[in-house]
């Protein structure tokens, strides 16, 4: 990992903050968008998945193997530890999902009809008014919990490679937009208060920079090749889990198979070009 100057740390933190605050964009879109066409959202979520899947397998998991190879002459040991770290990241994400109820879990994809309910007086809402506020608040809490490891993943990636960090932050930001909608809509339905709904969504996104800071300070005293190997492996696992468990199913709901694969392909292409460009600098 490159020298951790104040400028480098600040840059990585600002990227993570940008990704987290995109939940606010989702909240605003929920209030003001009248369109039921979610094609762009489908392509965007496919793009996010393509970016994260490609960079996880091509770059980040490889960095985990490189870190472990500095400690073990036997390459098989280093590769095995990297793979174990990768699946540990998947297991951590799955464990978080396991303890969050399905009705407020951001990884349980909402239908487009749920997202298109923009007015509190709408009678056809799939959600009961009596439980709307509770749903919104618990969804905010659930998203905050999920955003903790996502923030750390973005932060660590940006510290190691600013180019990769920018692309991942952009991908995370896209996937946080519908999460902001999932928080704000139920609260807005229940209270009619846009400001309150907006701030709940924003606070759920702020868990990302908080996760980045907490994770960094917990690991910094132990930072070494072993810690980097474990961290990069788990970051790759977390991002792959997010992609397959949340982004790809959501992309299919908001669009179709064709819009999803277009987004995935563009995301992978952008990530591949970014990695090549960074090596040429």
Protein backbone atom coordinates (compact mmCIF):
# COMPACT_ATOMS: atom_id res chain seq x y z
CA UNK A 1 0.00 0.00 0.00
CA UNK A 2 1.26 3.47 -0.89
CA UNK A 3 2.51 5.95 1.71
CA UNK A 4 -0.43 7.05 3.86
CA UNK A 5 -0.11 10.82 3.74
CA UNK A 6 -2.82 13.13 5.09
CA UNK A 7 -3.80 13.98 1.51
CA UNK A 8 -4.19 10.29 0.62
CA UNK A 9 -6.31 9.59 3.70
CA UNK A 10 -8.48 12.65 3.08
CA UNK A 11 -9.00 11.73 -0.57
CA UNK A 12 -10.06 8.17 0.35
CA UNK A 13 -12.40 9.49 3.04
CA UNK A 14 -14.03 11.99 0.67
CA UNK A 15 -14.67 9.24 -1.88
CA UNK A 16 -16.32 7.14 0.81
CA UNK A 17 -18.38 10.12 1.95
CA UNK A 18 -19.49 10.73 -1.65
CA UNK A 19 -20.60 7.10 -2.00
CA UNK A 20 -22.50 7.22 1.28
CA UNK A 21 -24.29 10.48 0.59
CA UNK A 22 -25.75 9.12 -2.63
CA UNK A 23 -28.57 7.79 -0.43
CA UNK A 24 -29.62 11.44 -0.27
CA UNK A 25 -29.88 11.46 -4.06
CA UNK A 26 -32.18 8.44 -3.83
CA UNK A 27 -34.36 10.22 -1.29
CA UNK A 28 -34.66 13.29 -3.52
CA UNK A 29 -35.49 11.20 -6.58
CA UNK A 30 -38.24 9.43 -4.63
CA UNK A 31 -39.88 12.76 -3.84
CA UNK A 32 -39.66 14.41 -7.23
CA UNK A 33 -39.51 11.71 -9.90
CA UNK A 34 -42.81 10.91 -11.59
CA UNK A 35 -41.40 8.37 -14.01
CA UNK A 36 -42.02 4.65 -13.68
CA UNK A 37 -39.30 3.83 -16.20
CA UNK A 38 -36.44 2.25 -14.30
CA UNK A 39 -34.36 1.22 -17.33
CA UNK A 40 -31.54 3.63 -16.48
CA UNK A 41 -31.54 2.38 -12.89
CA UNK A 42 -31.32 -1.21 -14.15
CA UNK A 43 -28.35 -0.40 -16.37
CA UNK A 44 -26.74 1.56 -13.54
CA UNK A 45 -27.03 -1.29 -11.08
CA UNK A 46 -25.70 -3.72 -13.67
CA UNK A 47 -22.82 -1.29 -14.20
CA UNK A 48 -22.09 -1.28 -10.46
CA UNK A 49 -22.08 -5.06 -10.37
CA UNK A 50 -19.79 -5.26 -13.40
CA UNK A 51 -17.30 -2.85 -11.83
CA UNK A 52 -17.21 -4.63 -8.48
CA UNK A 53 -17.10 -8.19 -9.84
CA UNK A 54 -14.32 -7.38 -12.31
CA UNK A 55 -12.12 -5.45 -9.89
CA UNK A 56 -12.64 -8.02 -7.13
CA UNK A 57 -11.41 -10.97 -9.17
CA UNK A 58 -8.86 -9.24 -11.40
CA UNK A 59 -7.24 -6.79 -8.97
CA UNK A 60 -8.23 -6.92 -5.30
CA UNK A 61 -8.10 -10.70 -4.77
CA UNK A 62 -4.78 -10.68 -6.61
CA UNK A 63 -3.46 -8.08 -4.16
CA UNK A 64 -4.46 -10.36 -1.31
CA UNK A 65 -2.42 -13.18 -2.87
CA UNK A 66 0.56 -10.84 -3.37
CA UNK A 67 0.46 -9.72 0.26
CA UNK A 68 0.43 -13.29 1.55
CA UNK A 69 3.20 -14.26 -0.90
CA UNK A 70 5.48 -11.80 0.92
CA UNK A 71 5.07 -13.92 4.05
CA UNK A 72 5.14 -17.44 2.62
CA UNK A 73 7.61 -18.80 0.10
CA UNK A 74 5.13 -21.51 -0.78
CA UNK A 75 2.73 -19.83 -3.18
CA UNK A 76 0.03 -22.38 -2.49
CA UNK A 77 -0.20 -21.27 1.14
CA UNK A 78 -0.57 -17.62 0.18
CA UNK A 79 -3.20 -18.38 -2.43
CA UNK A 80 -5.13 -20.58 -0.01
CA UNK A 81 -5.16 -17.84 2.65
CA UNK A 82 -6.35 -15.30 0.09
CA UNK A 83 -9.20 -17.61 -0.92
CA UNK A 84 -10.12 -18.18 2.73
CA UNK A 85 -10.20 -14.41 3.30
CA UNK A 86 -12.35 -13.99 0.21
CA UNK A 87 -14.97 -16.44 1.47
CA UNK A 88 -14.74 -14.94 4.94
CA UNK A 89 -15.85 -11.63 3.38
CA UNK A 90 -18.79 -13.40 1.75
CA UNK A 91 -19.64 -15.11 5.05
CA UNK A 92 -19.55 -11.79 6.92
CA UNK A 93 -22.00 -10.22 4.46
CA UNK A 94 -24.25 -13.28 4.59
CA UNK A 95 -24.19 -13.20 8.42
CA UNK A 96 -25.29 -9.57 8.43
CA UNK A 97 -28.13 -10.44 6.07
CA UNK A 98 -29.17 -13.38 8.23
CA UNK A 99 -29.87 -11.23 11.28
CA UNK A 100 -31.86 -8.54 9.43
CA UNK A 101 -35.59 -9.17 8.79
CA UNK A 102 -36.45 -9.63 5.12
CA UNK A 103 -39.02 -6.81 5.05
CA UNK A 104 -36.40 -4.17 5.90
CA UNK A 105 -33.33 -5.83 4.39
CA UNK A 106 -31.93 -3.71 1.53
CA UNK A 107 -30.70 -6.92 -0.11
CA UNK A 108 -34.30 -8.12 -0.46
CA UNK A 109 -35.18 -6.46 -3.76
CA UNK A 110 -38.25 -4.22 -3.81
CA UNK A 111 -40.50 -4.19 -6.85
CA UNK A 112 -40.86 -1.18 -9.11
CA UNK A 113 -44.46 -0.77 -7.94
CA UNK A 114 -43.22 -0.23 -4.39
CA UNK A 115 -40.70 2.36 -5.51
CA UNK A 116 -43.26 4.22 -7.61
CA UNK A 117 -45.55 4.97 -4.67
CA UNK A 118 -44.70 8.66 -4.26
CA UNK A 119 -47.68 10.11 -2.41
CA UNK A 120 -48.72 9.42 1.20
CA UNK A 121 -52.41 9.27 0.26
CA UNK A 122 -51.93 6.57 -2.38
CA UNK A 123 -54.40 3.84 -1.51
CA UNK A 124 -52.75 1.13 -3.56
CA UNK A 125 -49.52 1.14 -1.58
CA UNK A 126 -48.27 -2.37 -0.79
CA UNK A 127 -47.29 -1.11 2.65
CA UNK A 128 -49.77 -0.47 5.47
CA UNK A 129 -49.77 3.11 6.75
CA UNK A 130 -49.64 1.99 10.37
CA UNK A 131 -46.26 0.37 9.89
CA UNK A 132 -44.71 2.71 7.31
CA UNK A 133 -42.59 4.75 9.69
CA UNK A 134 -41.30 1.66 11.47
CA UNK A 135 -40.42 0.13 8.10
CA UNK A 136 -38.51 3.23 7.01
CA UNK A 137 -36.59 3.56 10.28
CA UNK A 138 -35.64 -0.11 10.42
CA UNK A 139 -34.67 -0.03 6.77
CA UNK A 140 -32.39 2.92 7.54
CA UNK A 141 -30.81 0.92 10.37
CA UNK A 142 -30.40 -2.16 8.16
CA UNK A 143 -28.81 -0.14 5.37
CA UNK A 144 -26.51 1.54 7.89
CA UNK A 145 -25.30 -1.88 9.05
CA UNK A 146 -24.70 -3.00 5.46
CA UNK A 147 -22.94 0.25 4.60
CA UNK A 148 -20.35 -0.21 7.35
CA UNK A 149 -18.28 -2.89 5.53
CA UNK A 150 -19.03 -1.27 2.16
CA UNK A 151 -17.49 1.99 3.39
CA UNK A 152 -14.40 0.18 4.62
CA UNK A 153 -14.07 -1.63 1.27
CA UNK A 154 -14.26 1.66 -0.65
CA UNK A 155 -11.80 3.36 1.70
CA UNK A 156 -9.15 0.62 1.58
CA UNK A 157 -9.43 0.35 -2.22
CA UNK A 158 -8.93 4.13 -2.58
CA UNK A 159 -5.92 4.09 -0.27
CA UNK A 160 -4.22 1.43 -2.35
CA UNK A 161 -5.15 2.75 -5.80
CA UNK A 162 -6.97 6.09 -6.28
CA UNK A 163 -8.10 5.11 -9.78
CA UNK A 164 -9.77 1.96 -8.50
CA UNK A 165 -11.14 3.88 -5.52
CA UNK A 166 -12.88 6.41 -7.75
CA UNK A 167 -14.52 3.73 -9.88
CA UNK A 168 -15.64 1.68 -6.88
CA UNK A 169 -16.98 4.77 -5.10
CA UNK A 170 -19.01 5.59 -8.21
CA UNK A 171 -20.35 2.02 -8.38
CA UNK A 172 -21.27 2.02 -4.68
CA UNK A 173 -22.94 5.42 -5.12
CA UNK A 174 -25.17 4.07 -7.90
CA UNK A 175 -26.27 1.11 -5.81
CA UNK A 176 -26.95 3.36 -2.80
CA UNK A 177 -29.51 5.45 -4.72
CA UNK A 178 -32.37 2.91 -4.53
CA UNK A 179 -31.45 2.26 -0.89
CA UNK A 180 -32.07 5.94 -0.17
CA UNK A 181 -35.46 5.58 -1.86
CA UNK A 182 -36.26 2.51 0.25
CA UNK A 183 -35.64 4.52 3.43
CA UNK A 184 -37.35 7.78 2.50
CA UNK A 185 -40.54 6.54 0.85
CA UNK A 186 -42.08 4.71 3.86
CA UNK A 187 -41.27 7.59 6.23
CA UNK A 188 -42.65 10.14 3.79
CA UNK A 189 -45.82 8.04 3.37
CA UNK A 190 -46.30 7.87 7.14
CA UNK A 191 -45.50 11.47 8.09
CA UNK A 192 -45.79 13.58 4.95
CA UNK A 193 -42.52 15.17 6.08
CA UNK A 194 -39.95 15.26 3.26
CA UNK A 195 -37.27 16.75 5.49
CA UNK A 196 -37.47 13.96 8.06
CA UNK A 197 -37.49 11.25 5.40
CA UNK A 198 -34.53 12.87 3.64
CA UNK A 199 -32.43 13.01 6.82
CA UNK A 200 -33.14 9.40 7.75
CA UNK A 201 -31.90 8.34 4.31
CA UNK A 202 -28.84 10.57 4.62
CA UNK A 203 -27.94 9.19 8.06
CA UNK A 204 -28.13 5.61 6.77
CA UNK A 205 -25.59 6.55 4.08
CA UNK A 206 -23.23 8.21 6.58
CA UNK A 207 -22.54 4.75 7.98
CA UNK A 208 -20.15 4.32 5.02
CA UNK A 209 -17.59 6.98 6.03
CA UNK A 210 -18.04 5.96 9.67
CA UNK A 211 -17.28 2.35 8.73
CA UNK A 212 -14.21 3.51 6.82
CA UNK A 213 -12.82 5.47 9.77
CA UNK A 214 -13.61 2.86 12.42
CA UNK A 215 -12.27 0.00 10.31
CA UNK A 216 -9.08 1.88 9.49
CA UNK A 217 -8.26 2.84 13.08
CA UNK A 218 -9.00 -0.67 14.32
CA UNK A 219 -6.64 -2.22 11.77
CA UNK A 220 -3.96 0.48 11.44
CA UNK A 221 -1.99 -0.60 14.56
CA UNK A 222 -1.75 -4.11 13.09
CA UNK A 223 -1.13 -3.06 9.49
CA UNK A 224 1.28 -5.44 7.79
CA UNK A 225 1.34 -7.95 4.96
CA UNK A 226 -0.92 -10.41 6.80
CA UNK A 227 -3.47 -7.71 7.64
CA UNK A 228 -3.43 -6.41 4.08
CA UNK A 229 -3.85 -9.92 2.71
CA UNK A 230 -6.86 -10.60 4.92
CA UNK A 231 -8.35 -7.15 4.29
CA UNK A 232 -8.08 -7.26 0.50
CA UNK A 233 -9.43 -10.82 0.42
CA UNK A 234 -12.44 -9.89 2.56
CA UNK A 235 -13.06 -6.68 0.59
CA UNK A 236 -13.21 -8.74 -2.62
CA UNK A 237 -15.65 -11.17 -1.00
CA UNK A 238 -17.88 -8.39 0.32
CA UNK A 239 -18.12 -6.71 -3.08
CA UNK A 240 -18.83 -9.97 -4.92
CA UNK A 241 -21.57 -10.80 -2.40
CA UNK A 242 -23.17 -7.37 -2.82
CA UNK A 243 -23.07 -7.77 -6.60
CA UNK A 244 -24.68 -11.20 -6.79
CA UNK A 245 -27.05 -10.91 -3.84
CA UNK A 246 -28.34 -7.38 -4.36
CA UNK A 247 -27.29 -5.60 -7.53
CA UNK A 248 -27.94 -8.24 -10.20
CA UNK A 249 -31.38 -9.31 -8.89
CA UNK A 250 -32.35 -5.63 -8.52
CA UNK A 251 -31.16 -4.85 -12.04
CA UNK A 252 -33.47 -7.57 -13.37
CA UNK A 253 -36.44 -6.22 -11.39
CA UNK A 254 -35.93 -2.64 -12.61
CA UNK A 255 -35.25 -3.68 -16.21
CA UNK A 256 -34.71 -7.01 -17.95
CA UNK A 257 -31.95 -9.46 -18.87
CA UNK A 258 -30.74 -7.25 -21.71
CA UNK A 259 -30.47 -4.02 -19.70
CA UNK A 260 -28.68 -5.94 -16.95
CA UNK A 261 -26.03 -7.45 -19.23
CA UNK A 262 -25.50 -4.09 -20.96
CA UNK A 263 -24.78 -2.51 -17.57
CA UNK A 264 -22.49 -5.36 -16.50
CA UNK A 265 -20.50 -5.20 -19.73
CA UNK A 266 -20.07 -1.43 -19.58
CA UNK A 267 -19.03 -1.64 -15.92
CA UNK A 268 -16.41 -4.30 -16.61
CA UNK A 269 -15.11 -2.37 -19.62
CA UNK A 270 -14.79 0.87 -17.63
CA UNK A 271 -12.99 -0.96 -14.82
CA UNK A 272 -10.63 -2.73 -17.26
CA UNK A 273 -9.75 0.55 -18.98
CA UNK A 274 -9.21 2.23 -15.60
CA UNK A 275 -6.78 -0.49 -14.48
CA UNK A 276 -4.82 -0.32 -17.75
CA UNK A 277 -4.71 3.49 -17.66
CA UNK A 278 -3.43 3.48 -14.08
CA UNK A 279 -0.57 1.14 -15.02
CA UNK A 280 0.42 3.40 -17.92
CA UNK A 281 0.67 6.51 -15.70
